[in-house]
N, C-alpha and C. Protein backbone atom coordinates (compact mmCIF):
# COMPACT_ATOMS: atom_id res chain seq x y z
N UNK A 1 104.02 -4.67 37.92
CA UNK A 1 102.93 -4.16 37.79
C UNK A 1 102.79 -3.27 36.56
N UNK A 2 102.14 -3.46 35.41
CA UNK A 2 101.87 -2.65 34.41
C UNK A 2 101.04 -1.66 34.47
N UNK A 3 100.83 -0.72 33.65
CA UNK A 3 99.83 0.58 33.55
C UNK A 3 98.27 -0.42 33.35
N UNK A 4 97.41 -0.11 33.83
CA UNK A 4 96.18 -0.53 33.91
C UNK A 4 95.34 0.06 32.50
N UNK A 5 94.60 -1.04 31.64
CA UNK A 5 94.29 -0.31 30.42
C UNK A 5 93.19 0.70 30.66
N UNK A 6 93.23 1.82 29.50
CA UNK A 6 92.42 2.76 29.78
C UNK A 6 90.98 2.57 29.69
N UNK A 7 90.22 3.57 30.27
CA UNK A 7 88.84 3.46 30.35
C UNK A 7 88.48 4.21 28.79
N UNK A 8 87.56 3.34 27.94
CA UNK A 8 87.42 3.80 26.91
C UNK A 8 85.92 4.41 26.24
N UNK A 9 85.92 5.52 25.91
CA UNK A 9 84.53 5.98 25.73
C UNK A 9 84.16 6.22 24.21
N UNK A 10 83.00 5.43 23.68
CA UNK A 10 82.78 5.28 22.46
C UNK A 10 82.19 6.72 22.08
N UNK A 11 81.81 6.83 20.56
CA UNK A 11 81.12 8.09 20.24
C UNK A 11 79.73 8.01 20.96
N UNK A 12 79.06 6.92 20.90
CA UNK A 12 77.81 6.80 21.54
C UNK A 12 77.63 7.32 23.10
N UNK A 13 78.59 7.50 23.70
CA UNK A 13 78.66 7.48 24.90
C UNK A 13 78.71 9.15 25.21
N UNK A 14 79.12 9.97 24.37
CA UNK A 14 79.51 11.54 24.53
C UNK A 14 77.97 11.92 24.77
N UNK A 15 76.85 11.71 24.54
CA UNK A 15 75.55 12.45 25.04
C UNK A 15 75.04 11.90 26.37
N UNK A 16 75.86 10.78 26.86
CA UNK A 16 75.31 10.37 28.15
C UNK A 16 75.77 11.35 29.31
N UNK A 17 74.78 11.05 30.67
CA UNK A 17 75.03 11.93 31.64
C UNK A 17 74.67 13.51 31.26
N UNK A 18 74.29 13.78 30.22
CA UNK A 18 73.47 15.01 29.82
C UNK A 18 73.18 15.99 31.04
N UNK A 19 72.23 15.32 31.65
CA UNK A 19 71.23 16.12 32.82
C UNK A 19 72.56 16.47 34.00
N UNK A 20 73.31 15.51 34.42
CA UNK A 20 74.55 15.78 35.28
C UNK A 20 75.38 16.74 34.74
N UNK A 21 75.85 16.83 33.67
CA UNK A 21 76.68 17.77 32.91
C UNK A 21 75.98 19.18 32.91
N UNK A 22 74.84 19.27 32.53
CA UNK A 22 74.28 20.45 32.63
C UNK A 22 74.11 21.07 34.08
N UNK A 23 73.61 20.28 35.13
CA UNK A 23 73.83 20.81 36.34
C UNK A 23 74.99 21.13 36.85
N UNK A 24 76.05 20.31 36.47
CA UNK A 24 77.50 20.53 36.94
C UNK A 24 78.07 22.01 36.25
N UNK A 25 77.60 22.22 35.00
CA UNK A 25 77.98 23.60 34.25
C UNK A 25 77.27 24.74 35.19
N UNK A 26 76.14 24.68 35.65
CA UNK A 26 75.27 25.69 36.22
C UNK A 26 76.10 25.99 37.60
N UNK A 27 76.46 24.96 38.36
CA UNK A 27 77.23 25.07 39.52
C UNK A 27 78.55 25.70 39.34
N UNK A 28 79.25 25.33 38.24
CA UNK A 28 80.44 25.93 38.21
C UNK A 28 80.44 27.40 37.72
N UNK A 29 79.39 27.50 37.09
CA UNK A 29 79.14 29.02 36.71
C UNK A 29 78.90 29.91 37.92
N UNK A 30 78.09 29.38 38.67
CA UNK A 30 77.71 30.00 40.13
C UNK A 30 78.86 30.23 40.87
N UNK A 31 79.59 28.92 40.91
CA UNK A 31 81.19 29.10 41.76
C UNK A 31 81.98 30.08 41.06
N UNK A 32 82.33 30.23 40.11
CA UNK A 32 83.26 30.90 39.32
C UNK A 32 82.88 32.71 39.53
N UNK A 33 81.49 32.96 40.04
CA UNK A 33 81.21 34.23 40.27
C UNK A 33 81.45 34.59 41.80
N UNK A 34 81.58 33.62 42.31
CA UNK A 34 82.03 33.79 43.94
C UNK A 34 83.50 34.63 44.10
N UNK A 35 83.37 34.90 45.63
CA UNK A 35 84.90 34.91 46.20
C UNK A 35 85.17 34.07 47.14
N UNK A 36 85.95 33.06 46.85
CA UNK A 36 86.14 31.92 47.55
C UNK A 36 86.59 32.07 49.18
N UNK A 37 87.13 33.35 49.44
CA UNK A 37 87.23 33.78 50.64
C UNK A 37 86.29 34.67 51.68
N UNK A 38 85.45 35.13 50.92
CA UNK A 38 84.61 36.49 51.32
C UNK A 38 83.04 35.41 51.27
N UNK A 39 82.83 34.50 50.62
CA UNK A 39 81.64 33.82 50.26
C UNK A 39 82.18 32.07 50.53
N UNK A 40 83.11 31.78 51.38
CA UNK A 40 83.62 30.56 51.78
C UNK A 40 82.69 29.36 52.08
N UNK A 41 81.59 29.75 52.73
CA UNK A 41 80.48 28.91 53.03
C UNK A 41 79.69 28.51 51.80
N UNK A 42 79.48 29.25 51.01
CA UNK A 42 78.62 28.98 49.79
C UNK A 42 79.78 28.31 48.75
N UNK A 43 80.87 28.83 48.75
CA UNK A 43 81.93 28.04 47.89
C UNK A 43 82.29 26.54 48.13
N UNK A 44 82.14 26.21 49.50
CA UNK A 44 82.31 24.90 50.09
C UNK A 44 81.09 24.18 49.62
N UNK A 45 79.88 24.75 49.75
CA UNK A 45 78.66 23.88 49.38
C UNK A 45 78.75 23.43 48.02
N UNK A 46 79.02 24.58 46.97
CA UNK A 46 79.05 24.27 45.72
C UNK A 46 80.20 23.01 45.32
N UNK A 47 81.33 23.20 45.82
CA UNK A 47 82.54 22.27 45.81
C UNK A 47 81.91 21.06 46.28
N UNK A 48 81.35 20.88 47.58
CA UNK A 48 80.64 19.38 47.98
C UNK A 48 79.71 18.86 47.15
N UNK A 49 78.83 19.77 46.41
CA UNK A 49 77.95 19.01 45.45
C UNK A 49 78.56 18.63 44.20
N UNK A 50 79.70 19.26 43.73
CA UNK A 50 80.20 19.06 42.44
C UNK A 50 81.08 17.90 42.62
N UNK A 51 81.82 17.79 43.77
CA UNK A 51 83.05 16.91 43.58
C UNK A 51 82.81 15.37 44.25
N UNK A 52 83.35 14.43 44.16
CA UNK A 52 83.29 13.04 44.83
C UNK A 52 83.54 13.30 46.23
N UNK A 53 84.75 13.91 46.33
CA UNK A 53 85.29 14.42 47.86
C UNK A 53 85.79 15.48 48.13
N UNK A 54 85.45 16.45 48.80
CA UNK A 54 86.23 17.77 48.93
C UNK A 54 86.36 17.60 50.64
N UNK A 55 87.90 17.72 50.94
CA UNK A 55 88.41 17.94 52.44
C UNK A 55 88.49 19.42 52.81
N UNK A 56 87.80 20.31 52.00
CA UNK A 56 87.80 21.44 52.55
C UNK A 56 88.76 22.77 51.56
N UNK A 57 89.09 22.03 50.53
CA UNK A 57 90.03 22.87 49.67
C UNK A 57 89.43 24.26 49.38
N UNK A 58 90.93 25.01 49.05
CA UNK A 58 90.38 26.38 48.79
C UNK A 58 90.62 26.11 47.05
N UNK A 59 89.85 26.68 46.30
CA UNK A 59 89.93 26.65 44.65
C UNK A 59 89.34 27.93 44.42
N UNK A 60 90.80 28.65 43.83
CA UNK A 60 90.29 29.94 43.49
C UNK A 60 89.76 29.73 41.93
N UNK A 61 89.05 31.05 41.64
CA UNK A 61 88.53 30.92 40.50
C UNK A 61 88.83 32.13 39.46
N UNK A 62 88.75 32.04 38.25
CA UNK A 62 87.82 31.28 37.52
C UNK A 62 88.71 29.56 37.53
N UNK A 63 87.68 28.81 37.41
CA UNK A 63 88.63 27.30 37.55
C UNK A 63 87.37 26.49 36.35
N UNK A 64 87.95 25.47 35.99
CA UNK A 64 87.22 24.48 34.98
C UNK A 64 87.20 23.18 35.87
N UNK A 65 85.95 22.62 36.14
CA UNK A 65 85.76 21.28 36.71
C UNK A 65 84.99 20.46 35.86
N UNK A 66 85.49 19.38 35.17
CA UNK A 66 84.70 18.55 34.28
C UNK A 66 84.53 17.05 34.82
N UNK A 67 83.26 16.53 35.21
CA UNK A 67 83.02 15.30 35.62
C UNK A 67 83.45 15.32 36.86
N UNK A 68 83.17 16.11 37.75
CA UNK A 68 83.58 16.50 39.42
C UNK A 68 83.26 15.29 40.11
N UNK A 69 82.32 14.38 39.52
CA UNK A 69 81.96 13.23 40.42
C UNK A 69 83.04 12.20 40.54
N UNK A 70 84.16 12.45 39.62
CA UNK A 70 85.42 11.50 39.54
C UNK A 70 86.51 12.15 40.30
N UNK A 71 86.13 13.20 40.93
CA UNK A 71 87.65 14.23 41.53
C UNK A 71 87.42 14.17 43.10
N UNK A 72 88.57 14.08 43.68
CA UNK A 72 88.62 13.98 45.08
C UNK A 72 89.74 14.71 45.43
N UNK A 73 89.35 15.58 46.21
CA UNK A 73 90.60 16.55 46.92
C UNK A 73 90.59 16.37 48.36
N UNK A 74 91.86 16.34 48.83
CA UNK A 74 91.93 16.17 50.35
C UNK A 74 92.05 17.52 51.25
N UNK A 75 92.27 17.28 52.41
CA UNK A 75 92.16 18.76 53.18
C UNK A 75 93.24 19.82 53.22
N UNK A 76 92.92 20.74 53.27
CA UNK A 76 93.98 21.66 53.05
C UNK A 76 94.54 21.85 51.97
N UNK A 77 94.20 21.54 50.88
CA UNK A 77 94.61 21.42 49.42
C UNK A 77 94.25 23.16 49.30
N UNK A 78 95.35 23.74 48.25
CA UNK A 78 94.93 25.06 47.53
C UNK A 78 95.20 24.89 46.05
N UNK A 79 94.10 25.21 45.48
CA UNK A 79 94.17 25.26 44.08
C UNK A 79 94.25 26.72 43.41
N UNK A 80 95.04 26.96 42.91
CA UNK A 80 95.22 28.73 42.49
C UNK A 80 94.13 28.70 41.10
N UNK A 81 94.13 29.85 40.44
CA UNK A 81 93.08 30.14 39.50
C UNK A 81 93.29 29.69 38.28
N UNK A 82 92.42 29.59 37.45
CA UNK A 82 92.54 29.03 35.91
C UNK A 82 93.01 27.62 35.94
N UNK A 83 92.86 26.67 36.67
CA UNK A 83 93.24 25.24 36.77
C UNK A 83 92.01 24.52 36.07
N UNK A 84 92.44 23.31 35.21
CA UNK A 84 91.74 22.61 34.58
C UNK A 84 91.57 21.20 35.40
N UNK A 85 90.48 20.80 35.94
CA UNK A 85 90.33 19.66 36.39
C UNK A 85 89.52 18.61 35.61
N UNK A 86 90.03 17.78 34.49
CA UNK A 86 89.25 17.15 33.47
C UNK A 86 88.94 15.81 34.09
N UNK A 87 87.96 15.28 34.81
CA UNK A 87 87.49 14.17 35.51
C UNK A 87 86.97 13.30 34.73
N UNK A 88 87.66 13.02 33.38
CA UNK A 88 86.95 11.75 32.58
C UNK A 88 87.32 10.62 33.07
N UNK A 89 88.35 10.35 33.99
CA UNK A 89 88.77 9.43 34.98
C UNK A 89 89.06 10.00 36.10
N UNK A 90 89.13 9.20 36.93
CA UNK A 90 89.47 9.71 38.37
C UNK A 90 90.49 10.64 38.68
N UNK A 91 90.43 11.61 39.38
CA UNK A 91 91.73 12.39 39.99
C UNK A 91 91.62 12.74 41.17
N UNK A 92 92.66 12.44 41.76
CA UNK A 92 92.78 12.53 43.39
C UNK A 92 93.96 13.35 43.66
N UNK A 93 93.81 14.49 44.45
CA UNK A 93 94.66 15.32 45.01
C UNK A 93 94.68 14.88 46.51
N UNK A 94 96.12 14.86 47.28
CA UNK A 94 96.21 14.68 48.31
C UNK A 94 96.12 15.72 49.50
N UNK A 95 96.30 15.50 50.68
CA UNK A 95 96.12 16.60 51.81
C UNK A 95 97.14 17.48 51.41
N UNK A 96 97.05 19.01 51.82
CA UNK A 96 97.87 20.01 51.81
C UNK A 96 98.79 20.03 50.58
N UNK A 97 98.19 19.91 49.31
CA UNK A 97 98.85 19.77 48.13
C UNK A 97 98.85 21.32 47.52
N UNK A 98 99.74 21.97 47.08
CA UNK A 98 99.60 23.34 46.58
C UNK A 98 99.46 23.10 44.93
N UNK A 99 98.63 23.91 44.27
CA UNK A 99 98.38 23.67 42.77
C UNK A 99 98.74 25.17 42.45
N UNK A 100 99.63 25.59 41.18
CA UNK A 100 99.69 26.75 40.88
C UNK A 100 98.72 27.06 39.83
N UNK A 101 98.92 28.44 39.54
CA UNK A 101 97.64 28.79 38.51
C UNK A 101 97.97 28.37 37.24
N UNK A 102 97.25 28.11 36.36
CA UNK A 102 96.98 27.62 35.08
C UNK A 102 97.29 26.15 34.92
N UNK A 103 97.58 25.31 36.12
CA UNK A 103 97.91 24.10 35.86
C UNK A 103 96.65 23.06 35.03
N UNK A 104 97.11 22.08 34.54
CA UNK A 104 96.14 21.16 33.80
C UNK A 104 96.09 19.75 34.10
N UNK A 105 95.02 19.33 34.75
CA UNK A 105 95.10 17.81 35.04
C UNK A 105 94.19 17.22 33.93
N UNK A 106 94.77 16.37 32.87
CA UNK A 106 94.03 16.15 31.92
C UNK A 106 94.15 14.55 31.54
N UNK A 107 92.97 13.75 31.98
CA UNK A 107 92.78 12.42 32.19
C UNK A 107 92.40 11.87 30.79
N UNK A 108 92.03 12.61 29.95
CA UNK A 108 91.28 12.14 28.47
C UNK A 108 92.44 12.56 27.56
N UNK A 109 92.52 11.39 26.77
CA UNK A 109 93.15 11.56 25.38
C UNK A 109 92.84 10.64 24.26
N UNK A 110 93.45 10.74 23.32
CA UNK A 110 92.98 10.06 22.12
C UNK A 110 93.83 9.04 21.67
N UNK A 111 93.37 7.93 20.94
CA UNK A 111 94.38 6.87 20.67
C UNK A 111 95.43 7.32 19.79
N UNK A 112 96.60 6.83 19.47
CA UNK A 112 97.72 7.06 18.81
C UNK A 112 97.21 6.16 17.47
N UNK A 113 96.76 5.24 17.49
CA UNK A 113 96.40 4.19 16.45
C UNK A 113 95.41 4.69 15.55
N UNK A 114 95.29 5.20 14.47
CA UNK A 114 94.33 5.75 13.52
C UNK A 114 92.89 5.07 13.53
N UNK A 115 93.01 3.67 13.48
CA UNK A 115 91.87 2.72 13.45
C UNK A 115 90.96 2.94 14.65
N UNK A 116 92.05 2.85 15.74
CA UNK A 116 91.38 2.98 17.26
C UNK A 116 90.64 4.26 17.43
N UNK A 117 91.34 5.33 16.76
CA UNK A 117 90.69 6.89 17.03
C UNK A 117 89.51 7.23 16.15
N UNK A 118 89.16 6.26 15.27
CA UNK A 118 87.97 5.97 14.66
C UNK A 118 86.96 5.28 15.36
N UNK A 119 87.23 4.49 16.10
CA UNK A 119 86.71 3.56 16.87
C UNK A 119 86.03 4.29 18.24
N UNK A 120 86.96 4.90 18.81
CA UNK A 120 86.86 5.34 20.09
C UNK A 120 86.58 6.87 20.16
N UNK A 121 85.76 7.82 20.73
CA UNK A 121 85.97 9.18 20.94
C UNK A 121 86.99 9.68 21.69
N UNK A 122 87.18 8.71 22.98
CA UNK A 122 88.51 9.15 23.55
C UNK A 122 88.83 8.09 24.74
N UNK A 123 89.80 8.00 25.04
CA UNK A 123 90.28 7.09 26.14
C UNK A 123 90.61 8.13 27.35
N UNK A 124 90.50 7.34 28.63
CA UNK A 124 91.04 8.39 29.84
C UNK A 124 91.73 7.25 30.81
N UNK A 125 92.62 7.94 31.91
CA UNK A 125 93.29 7.13 32.64
C UNK A 125 93.52 8.25 33.80
N UNK A 126 93.22 7.56 35.29
CA UNK A 126 93.21 8.12 36.20
C UNK A 126 94.56 9.11 36.36
N UNK A 127 94.73 10.21 37.31
CA UNK A 127 95.89 11.15 37.61
C UNK A 127 95.74 11.16 39.40
N UNK A 128 96.77 10.63 40.01
CA UNK A 128 96.66 10.78 41.34
C UNK A 128 97.88 11.40 41.60
N UNK A 129 97.95 12.45 42.58
CA UNK A 129 98.81 13.66 43.32
C UNK A 129 98.69 13.21 44.86
N UNK A 130 99.81 12.95 45.41
CA UNK A 130 100.05 12.52 46.81
C UNK A 130 99.93 13.58 47.73
N UNK A 131 100.31 13.72 48.87
CA UNK A 131 99.93 14.64 49.90
C UNK A 131 101.49 15.63 49.94
N UNK A 132 100.90 16.82 50.12
CA UNK A 132 102.15 17.81 50.40
C UNK A 132 102.71 18.11 49.25
N UNK A 133 102.35 17.92 47.90
CA UNK A 133 103.14 18.07 46.51
C UNK A 133 103.07 19.46 46.42
N UNK A 134 103.62 20.08 45.62
CA UNK A 134 103.69 21.30 45.23
C UNK A 134 103.81 21.28 43.27
N UNK A 135 102.88 21.79 42.99
CA UNK A 135 102.75 21.74 41.39
C UNK A 135 102.85 23.22 40.84
N UNK A 136 103.78 23.75 40.19
CA UNK A 136 104.17 24.87 40.05
C UNK A 136 103.21 25.46 38.64
N UNK A 137 103.20 26.51 38.44
CA UNK A 137 102.11 27.38 37.59
C UNK A 137 102.44 26.85 36.11
N UNK A 138 101.00 26.44 35.28
CA UNK A 138 101.05 26.14 34.12
C UNK A 138 101.73 24.78 33.86
N UNK A 139 101.89 23.84 34.66
CA UNK A 139 102.38 22.84 34.46
C UNK A 139 101.34 21.93 33.86
N UNK A 140 101.50 20.92 33.10
CA UNK A 140 100.52 19.78 32.82
C UNK A 140 100.87 18.53 32.97
N UNK A 141 99.75 17.79 33.88
CA UNK A 141 99.77 16.49 34.30
C UNK A 141 98.98 15.60 33.43
N UNK A 142 99.36 14.62 32.82
CA UNK A 142 98.83 14.09 31.72
C UNK A 142 98.38 12.74 32.31
N UNK A 143 97.44 11.85 31.51
CA UNK A 143 96.28 10.92 31.86
C UNK A 143 97.54 9.71 32.21
N UNK A 144 97.22 9.23 33.38
CA UNK A 144 98.03 7.94 34.01
C UNK A 144 99.09 8.24 34.93
N UNK A 145 99.26 9.45 35.29
CA UNK A 145 100.70 9.88 36.09
C UNK A 145 100.12 9.68 37.53
N UNK A 146 101.00 9.51 38.31
CA UNK A 146 101.06 9.48 39.89
C UNK A 146 102.37 10.00 40.38
N UNK A 147 101.72 11.25 41.21
CA UNK A 147 102.82 11.98 41.88
C UNK A 147 103.03 11.98 43.38
N UNK A 148 104.30 11.31 43.70
CA UNK A 148 104.36 10.77 44.99
C UNK A 148 104.38 11.89 46.29
N UNK A 149 104.09 11.72 47.02
CA UNK A 149 104.16 12.53 48.49
C UNK A 149 105.35 13.35 48.38
N UNK A 150 105.12 14.84 48.53
CA UNK A 150 106.17 15.66 49.21
C UNK A 150 107.05 16.19 47.95
N UNK A 151 106.53 15.75 46.78
CA UNK A 151 107.18 16.07 45.57
C UNK A 151 107.09 17.54 44.79
N UNK A 152 107.77 18.33 44.12
CA UNK A 152 107.38 19.33 43.42
C UNK A 152 107.68 19.11 42.03
N UNK A 153 106.84 19.76 41.25
CA UNK A 153 106.82 19.88 39.84
C UNK A 153 106.95 21.40 39.52
N UNK A 154 107.91 21.66 38.64
CA UNK A 154 108.47 22.83 38.38
C UNK A 154 107.38 23.40 37.31
N UNK A 155 107.58 24.87 37.21
CA UNK A 155 106.26 25.48 36.72
C UNK A 155 106.69 25.37 35.16
N UNK A 156 105.54 25.29 34.16
CA UNK A 156 105.81 25.06 32.94
C UNK A 156 106.08 23.55 32.50
N UNK A 157 106.07 22.66 33.49
CA UNK A 157 106.66 21.31 33.15
C UNK A 157 105.39 20.40 32.66
N UNK A 158 105.93 19.48 31.76
CA UNK A 158 104.55 18.49 31.18
C UNK A 158 104.96 17.10 31.85
N UNK A 159 104.20 16.65 32.59
CA UNK A 159 104.55 15.75 33.30
C UNK A 159 103.95 14.10 32.57
N UNK A 160 104.54 13.42 32.06
CA UNK A 160 104.19 12.24 31.12
C UNK A 160 104.44 11.03 31.86
N UNK A 161 105.41 11.05 32.98
CA UNK A 161 105.59 9.82 33.87
C UNK A 161 105.50 9.99 35.16
N UNK A 162 105.48 8.91 35.90
CA UNK A 162 105.37 8.90 37.56
C UNK A 162 106.43 9.67 37.78
N UNK A 163 106.13 10.40 39.15
CA UNK A 163 107.06 11.05 39.86
C UNK A 163 107.24 10.56 41.40
N UNK A 164 108.53 9.89 41.45
CA UNK A 164 108.59 9.21 43.10
C UNK A 164 108.41 10.28 43.80
N UNK A 165 108.12 9.65 45.22
CA UNK A 165 108.14 10.74 46.28
C UNK A 165 109.36 11.45 46.69
N UNK A 166 109.15 12.69 47.18
CA UNK A 166 110.25 13.53 47.52
C UNK A 166 111.40 13.70 46.25
N UNK A 167 110.73 14.05 45.13
CA UNK A 167 111.56 14.23 43.77
C UNK A 167 111.20 15.68 43.23
N UNK A 168 111.95 16.39 42.78
CA UNK A 168 111.56 17.72 42.10
C UNK A 168 111.87 17.24 40.40
N UNK A 169 110.81 17.61 39.88
CA UNK A 169 111.07 17.51 38.48
C UNK A 169 110.60 18.77 37.56
N UNK A 170 111.23 18.86 36.51
CA UNK A 170 110.99 19.91 35.81
C UNK A 170 111.11 19.77 34.17
N UNK A 171 110.82 20.35 33.55
CA UNK A 171 110.83 20.47 31.97
C UNK A 171 109.70 19.90 31.14
N UNK A 172 109.98 19.98 29.84
CA UNK A 172 109.16 19.14 28.90
C UNK A 172 109.91 18.53 27.93
N UNK A 173 109.96 16.83 28.04
CA UNK A 173 108.98 16.41 29.41
C UNK A 173 109.66 16.43 30.59
N UNK A 174 108.97 16.58 31.70
CA UNK A 174 109.33 16.39 33.07
C UNK A 174 110.37 15.49 33.33
N UNK A 175 111.33 15.69 33.84
CA UNK A 175 112.66 14.85 34.25
C UNK A 175 113.21 15.30 35.83
N UNK A 176 113.75 14.19 36.34
CA UNK A 176 114.18 14.57 37.75
C UNK A 176 115.22 15.66 37.82
N UNK A 177 115.31 16.54 38.50
CA UNK A 177 116.24 17.46 38.70
C UNK A 177 117.00 17.00 40.04
N UNK A 178 116.36 16.68 41.02
CA UNK A 178 116.88 16.22 42.18
C UNK A 178 116.00 15.43 43.22
N UNK A 179 116.76 14.72 44.11
CA UNK A 179 115.71 14.33 45.37
C UNK A 179 115.80 15.33 46.37
N UNK A 180 114.36 15.16 47.12
CA UNK A 180 114.09 16.28 48.13
C UNK A 180 114.44 15.36 49.37
N UNK A 181 114.59 15.83 50.79
CA UNK A 181 115.09 15.25 51.90
C UNK A 181 113.52 14.97 52.31
N UNK A 182 113.38 13.68 52.95
CA UNK A 182 112.13 13.25 53.51
C UNK A 182 111.82 14.30 54.71
N UNK A 183 110.63 14.86 54.68
CA UNK A 183 109.88 15.59 55.93
C UNK A 183 110.13 14.75 57.37
N UNK A 184 110.35 15.38 58.18
CA UNK A 184 109.98 14.87 59.84
C UNK A 184 108.63 14.69 59.85
N UNK A 185 107.89 13.60 59.79
CA UNK A 185 106.65 13.56 60.24
C UNK A 185 106.11 14.02 61.49
N UNK A 186 106.98 14.38 62.54
CA UNK A 186 106.94 14.59 63.94
C UNK A 186 106.34 16.06 63.75
N UNK A 187 106.81 16.82 62.97
CA UNK A 187 106.95 18.20 62.93
C UNK A 187 106.16 18.81 61.47
N UNK A 188 106.01 17.57 60.69
CA UNK A 188 105.62 18.12 59.22
C UNK A 188 104.52 19.16 59.18
N UNK A 189 103.49 18.93 59.78
CA UNK A 189 101.98 19.84 59.87
C UNK A 189 101.76 20.41 61.13
N UNK A 190 102.83 20.89 61.80
CA UNK A 190 102.73 21.58 63.42
C UNK A 190 102.07 22.89 62.84
N UNK A 191 102.53 23.51 61.77
CA UNK A 191 101.95 25.12 61.55
C UNK A 191 100.59 25.19 60.91
N UNK A 192 100.25 23.69 60.05
CA UNK A 192 98.93 23.91 59.32
C UNK A 192 98.44 22.60 59.43
N UNK A 193 97.76 22.20 60.71
CA UNK A 193 97.54 20.91 60.84
C UNK A 193 96.17 20.46 60.00
């Protein structure tokens, strides 16, 4: 099974969804002024309006969310401050996932071929992060990557390829450091259901 072709955006697409983008920018500005703990109800209301799906995630601010209608975040996920979520293509973040400060999820990219760069404004591919994943501070997750359940991405890593479940990766580009033990499903979420 090969990688799906990218979503292609023509230069003429750049002005589309202007009304939605302006509304999203206003919501994001309001969100970034809130205390996500002291004003949790209002914060969740804004996230519910911005995201395709929000399982009650805690997202620290400031943050950047672009094209939130393509972003799904599972329950009990925690996303630290200064995270970039570029939803040009779908982003899915699983339940109980922890995302460190400054992590960037970039679904958009430009074609390598010079002729294609002149033809298309940009391309995009989805990013999928499984359940109970920990992504360390300042990591970069690029377009088309899938990170398997229970995996760990070291701080500052650049993830350009899929990460299997229960795997620790680190580096630029990220490479396998070691396999992690499979968690016991009977007790995995006892303390944080």
